[in-house]
C-alpha atoms as a PDB file:
ATOM      1  CA  UNK A   1      10.513 -18.689  21.435  1.00  0.00           C
ATOM      2  CA  UNK A   2      13.962 -18.653  23.021  1.00  0.00           C
ATOM      3  CA  UNK A   3      15.470 -15.844  24.978  1.00  0.00           C
ATOM      4  CA  UNK A   4      17.574 -13.277  23.108  1.00  0.00           C
ATOM      5  CA  UNK A   5      20.919 -12.661  24.768  1.00  0.00           C
ATOM      6  CA  UNK A   6      23.532  -9.970  24.159  1.00  0.00           C
ATOM      7  CA  UNK A   7      25.292 -12.074  21.483  1.00  0.00           C
ATOM      8  CA  UNK A   8      22.007 -12.421  19.583  1.00  0.00           C
ATOM      9  CA  UNK A   9      21.524  -8.660  19.901  1.00  0.00           C
ATOM     10  CA  UNK A  10      25.001  -8.001  18.461  1.00  0.00           C
ATOM     11  CA  UNK A  11      24.257 -10.349  15.550  1.00  0.00           C
ATOM     12  CA  UNK A  12      20.921  -8.639  14.907  1.00  0.00           C
ATOM     13  CA  UNK A  13      22.433  -5.140  14.990  1.00  0.00           C
ATOM     14  CA  UNK A  14      25.113  -6.187  12.486  1.00  0.00           C
ATOM     15  CA  UNK A  15      22.630  -7.915  10.168  1.00  0.00           C
ATOM     16  CA  UNK A  16      20.358  -4.857  10.162  1.00  0.00           C
ATOM     17  CA  UNK A  17      23.248  -2.746   8.897  1.00  0.00           C
ATOM     18  CA  UNK A  18      24.800  -5.305   6.548  1.00  0.00           C
ATOM     19  CA  UNK A  19      22.389  -8.092   5.633  1.00  0.00           C
ATOM     20  CA  UNK A  20      24.735  -9.596   3.046  1.00  0.00           C
ATOM     21  CA  UNK A  21      27.672 -10.035   5.418  1.00  0.00           C
ATOM     22  CA  UNK A  22      29.276 -13.475   5.256  1.00  0.00           C
ATOM     23  CA  UNK A  23      28.842 -15.780   8.231  1.00  0.00           C
ATOM     24  CA  UNK A  24      32.605 -15.711   8.848  1.00  0.00           C
ATOM     25  CA  UNK A  25      32.671 -11.896   8.959  1.00  0.00           C
ATOM     26  CA  UNK A  26      29.498 -11.795  11.037  1.00  0.00           C
ATOM     27  CA  UNK A  27      30.956 -14.244  13.532  1.00  0.00           C
ATOM     28  CA  UNK A  28      34.188 -12.274  13.791  1.00  0.00           C
ATOM     29  CA  UNK A  29      32.385  -8.956  14.266  1.00  0.00           C
ATOM     30  CA  UNK A  30      29.972 -10.493  16.819  1.00  0.00           C
ATOM     31  CA  UNK A  31      32.902 -12.142  18.621  1.00  0.00           C
ATOM     32  CA  UNK A  32      31.566 -15.713  18.354  1.00  0.00           C
ATOM     33  CA  UNK A  33      32.687 -18.845  16.474  1.00  0.00           C
ATOM     34  CA  UNK A  34      31.421 -19.341  12.915  1.00  0.00           C
ATOM     35  CA  UNK A  35      29.474 -22.483  13.797  1.00  0.00           C
ATOM     36  CA  UNK A  36      27.838 -20.872  16.833  1.00  0.00           C
ATOM     37  CA  UNK A  37      27.007 -17.786  14.769  1.00  0.00           C
ATOM     38  CA  UNK A  38      25.424 -19.925  12.048  1.00  0.00           C
ATOM     39  CA  UNK A  39      23.309 -21.820  14.621  1.00  0.00           C
ATOM     40  CA  UNK A  40      22.187 -18.566  16.240  1.00  0.00           C
ATOM     41  CA  UNK A  41      21.171 -17.005  12.923  1.00  0.00           C
ATOM     42  CA  UNK A  42      19.247 -20.172  11.970  1.00  0.00           C
ATOM     43  CA  UNK A  43      17.441 -20.098  15.347  1.00  0.00           C
ATOM     44  CA  UNK A  44      16.629 -16.393  14.980  1.00  0.00           C
ATOM     45  CA  UNK A  45      15.215 -17.116  11.511  1.00  0.00           C
ATOM     46  CA  UNK A  46      13.241 -20.190  12.685  1.00  0.00           C
ATOM     47  CA  UNK A  47      11.718 -18.218  15.563  1.00  0.00           C
ATOM     48  CA  UNK A  48      10.653 -15.436  13.172  1.00  0.00           C
ATOM     49  CA  UNK A  49      12.848 -12.813  14.828  1.00  0.00           C
ATOM     50  CA  UNK A  50      14.668 -12.465  11.504  1.00  0.00           C
ATOM     51  CA  UNK A  51      11.704 -12.270   9.180  1.00  0.00           C
ATOM     52  CA  UNK A  52      13.409 -11.785   5.817  1.00  0.00           C
ATOM     53  CA  UNK A  53      16.376 -10.357   3.946  1.00  0.00           C
ATOM     54  CA  UNK A  54      15.760  -7.588   1.424  1.00  0.00           C
ATOM     55  CA  UNK A  55      17.535  -5.113  -0.822  1.00  0.00           C
ATOM     56  CA  UNK A  56      16.773  -1.499   0.081  1.00  0.00           C
ATOM     57  CA  UNK A  57      16.407   0.522  -3.111  1.00  0.00           C
ATOM     58  CA  UNK A  58      17.085   4.224  -3.534  1.00  0.00           C
ATOM     59  CA  UNK A  59      13.797   5.698  -4.805  1.00  0.00           C
ATOM     60  CA  UNK A  60      15.589   8.620  -6.478  1.00  0.00           C
ATOM     61  CA  UNK A  61      17.248   6.187  -8.908  1.00  0.00           C
ATOM     62  CA  UNK A  62      13.870   4.653  -9.731  1.00  0.00           C
ATOM     63  CA  UNK A  63      12.079   7.920 -10.529  1.00  0.00           C
ATOM     64  CA  UNK A  64      10.256   8.055  -7.197  1.00  0.00           C
ATOM     65  CA  UNK A  65      11.481  11.357  -5.766  1.00  0.00           C
ATOM     66  CA  UNK A  66       8.268  12.393  -3.980  1.00  0.00           C
ATOM     67  CA  UNK A  67       7.182  10.850  -0.684  1.00  0.00           C
ATOM     68  CA  UNK A  68       3.600  11.592   0.295  1.00  0.00           C
ATOM     69  CA  UNK A  69       1.813  10.697   3.517  1.00  0.00           C
ATOM     70  CA  UNK A  70      -1.906  10.268   2.979  1.00  0.00           C
ATOM     71  CA  UNK A  71      -4.432  10.260   5.823  1.00  0.00           C
ATOM     72  CA  UNK A  72      -7.520   8.288   4.854  1.00  0.00           C
ATOM     73  CA  UNK A  73     -10.855   8.432   6.641  1.00  0.00           C
ATOM     74  CA  UNK A  74     -13.410   5.787   5.763  1.00  0.00           C
ATOM     75  CA  UNK A  75     -17.184   6.196   5.716  1.00  0.00           C
ATOM     76  CA  UNK A  76     -17.459   3.413   8.300  1.00  0.00           C
ATOM     77  CA  UNK A  77     -15.200   1.317  10.489  1.00  0.00           C
ATOM     78  CA  UNK A  78     -17.264  -1.821   9.993  1.00  0.00           C
ATOM     79  CA  UNK A  79     -15.068  -4.910   9.714  1.00  0.00           C
ATOM     80  CA  UNK A  80     -16.101  -5.610   6.115  1.00  0.00           C
ATOM     81  CA  UNK A  81     -15.258  -2.028   5.037  1.00  0.00           C
ATOM     82  CA  UNK A  82     -11.848  -2.160   6.762  1.00  0.00           C
ATOM     83  CA  UNK A  83     -11.090  -5.546   5.208  1.00  0.00           C
ATOM     84  CA  UNK A  84     -12.145  -4.411   1.725  1.00  0.00           C
ATOM     85  CA  UNK A  85     -10.022  -1.260   1.969  1.00  0.00           C
ATOM     86  CA  UNK A  86      -6.971  -3.173   3.232  1.00  0.00           C
ATOM     87  CA  UNK A  87      -7.274  -5.812   0.503  1.00  0.00           C
ATOM     88  CA  UNK A  88      -7.567  -3.162  -2.222  1.00  0.00           C
ATOM     89  CA  UNK A  89      -4.784  -0.854  -0.987  1.00  0.00           C
ATOM     90  CA  UNK A  90      -2.294  -3.770  -0.955  1.00  0.00           C
ATOM     91  CA  UNK A  91      -2.630  -3.941  -4.748  1.00  0.00           C
ATOM     92  CA  UNK A  92      -1.321  -0.400  -5.339  1.00  0.00           C
ATOM     93  CA  UNK A  93       2.425  -0.628  -6.009  1.00  0.00           C
ATOM     94  CA  UNK A  94       3.117   3.019  -5.146  1.00  0.00           C
ATOM     95  CA  UNK A  95       1.789   2.543  -1.593  1.00  0.00           C
ATOM     96  CA  UNK A  96       4.760   1.387   0.483  1.00  0.00           C
ATOM     97  CA  UNK A  97       3.066   1.320   3.884  1.00  0.00           C
ATOM     98  CA  UNK A  98      -0.469   1.291   5.253  1.00  0.00           C
ATOM     99  CA  UNK A  99      -1.156   1.741   8.965  1.00  0.00           C
ATOM    100  CA  UNK A 100      -4.517   1.420  10.734  1.00  0.00           C
ATOM    101  CA  UNK A 101      -4.590   4.342  13.149  1.00  0.00           C
ATOM    102  CA  UNK A 102      -6.218   5.428  16.377  1.00  0.00           C
ATOM    103  CA  UNK A 103      -7.062   9.098  16.137  1.00  0.00           C
ATOM    104  CA  UNK A 104      -8.445  11.429  13.488  1.00  0.00           C
ATOM    105  CA  UNK A 105      -7.633   9.358  10.402  1.00  0.00           C
ATOM    106  CA  UNK A 106      -8.459   5.677   9.987  1.00  0.00           C
ATOM    107  CA  UNK A 107      -5.297   4.966   7.971  1.00  0.00           C
ATOM    108  CA  UNK A 108      -2.010   6.612   7.122  1.00  0.00           C
ATOM    109  CA  UNK A 109      -0.362   5.571   3.877  1.00  0.00           C
ATOM    110  CA  UNK A 110       3.209   6.175   2.731  1.00  0.00           C
ATOM    111  CA  UNK A 111       3.194   6.712  -1.026  1.00  0.00           C
ATOM    112  CA  UNK A 112       6.073   7.249  -3.441  1.00  0.00           C
ATOM    113  CA  UNK A 113       5.612   9.090  -6.715  1.00  0.00           C
ATOM    114  CA  UNK A 114       7.754  10.497  -9.491  1.00  0.00           C
ATOM    115  CA  UNK A 115       6.199  13.953  -9.188  1.00  0.00           C
ATOM    116  CA  UNK A 116       2.897  15.714  -8.516  1.00  0.00           C
ATOM    117  CA  UNK A 117       1.376  14.511 -11.794  1.00  0.00           C
ATOM    118  CA  UNK A 118       2.172  10.918 -10.920  1.00  0.00           C
ATOM    119  CA  UNK A 119       0.771  11.422  -7.412  1.00  0.00           C
ATOM    120  CA  UNK A 120      -2.431  12.803  -8.959  1.00  0.00           C
ATOM    121  CA  UNK A 121      -2.831   9.443 -10.744  1.00  0.00           C
ATOM    122  CA  UNK A 122      -2.221   7.565  -7.486  1.00  0.00           C
ATOM    123  CA  UNK A 123      -4.684   9.897  -5.726  1.00  0.00           C
ATOM    124  CA  UNK A 124      -7.378   9.011  -8.283  1.00  0.00           C
ATOM    125  CA  UNK A 125      -6.774   5.315  -7.490  1.00  0.00           C
ATOM    126  CA  UNK A 126      -6.876   5.897  -3.741  1.00  0.00           C
ATOM    127  CA  UNK A 127     -10.122   7.865  -3.783  1.00  0.00           C
ATOM    128  CA  UNK A 128     -11.834   4.934  -5.552  1.00  0.00           C
ATOM    129  CA  UNK A 129     -10.858   2.387  -2.893  1.00  0.00           C
ATOM    130  CA  UNK A 130     -13.713   0.817  -0.898  1.00  0.00           C
ATOM    131  CA  UNK A 131     -15.118   3.005   1.853  1.00  0.00           C
ATOM    132  CA  UNK A 132     -12.927   6.083   1.308  1.00  0.00           C
ATOM    133  CA  UNK A 133     -14.697   9.201   2.525  1.00  0.00           C
ATOM    134  CA  UNK A 134     -11.914  11.804   2.828  1.00  0.00           C
ATOM    135  CA  UNK A 135      -8.181  12.023   2.234  1.00  0.00           C
ATOM    136  CA  UNK A 136      -5.539  14.520   3.355  1.00  0.00           C
ATOM    137  CA  UNK A 137      -2.132  14.425   1.646  1.00  0.00           C
ATOM    138  CA  UNK A 138       1.149  15.838   2.932  1.00  0.00           C
ATOM    139  CA  UNK A 139       4.274  15.968   0.773  1.00  0.00           C
ATOM    140  CA  UNK A 140       7.590  15.342   2.510  1.00  0.00           C
ATOM    141  CA  UNK A 141       9.949  18.192   1.688  1.00  0.00           C
ATOM    142  CA  UNK A 142      13.086  16.366   2.808  1.00  0.00           C
ATOM    143  CA  UNK A 143      13.854  13.130   4.591  1.00  0.00           C
ATOM    144  CA  UNK A 144      15.797  14.117   7.685  1.00  0.00           C
ATOM    145  CA  UNK A 145      16.532  10.549   8.709  1.00  0.00           C
ATOM    146  CA  UNK A 146      15.233   7.115   7.904  1.00  0.00           C
ATOM    147  CA  UNK A 147      16.055   3.641   9.154  1.00  0.00           C
ATOM    148  CA  UNK A 148      14.738   0.142   8.849  1.00  0.00           C
ATOM    149  CA  UNK A 149      16.664  -0.994  11.926  1.00  0.00           C
ATOM    150  CA  UNK A 150      14.805  -1.813  15.118  1.00  0.00           C
ATOM    151  CA  UNK A 151      16.500  -1.124  18.440  1.00  0.00           C
ATOM    152  CA  UNK A 152      17.895  -4.393  19.832  1.00  0.00           C
END
């Protein structure tokens, strides 16, 4: 993997804010020629630094107004139990994130739901996942700030 210089960092910061920016506009904003900008972006993609381009959706417009963080403790941390849980949780579309944790809970999940009734349905699915022993759910009251941008 090549070294990331300040020009690469500028390009990455711009792309994290505006992923659909044209190469010409990106080059101008990053203060580099269009051809050099294109080569740099291709290299950043090839090296896996730029992993993908996505559309960020507003959950409120898709009837997903509730964000719930669920702490999951498994009955065992045996490799087969962890693997079975991780495979099963990936299949639940309302689970946006799943993190293996060090600490009290084994996993923390970020779940989106339309309302408490919808979350109750999701909860019933979660409790049936392999190895689940206990769950603790916390409803977000308000999102103070949220970003997908990494510091570069």
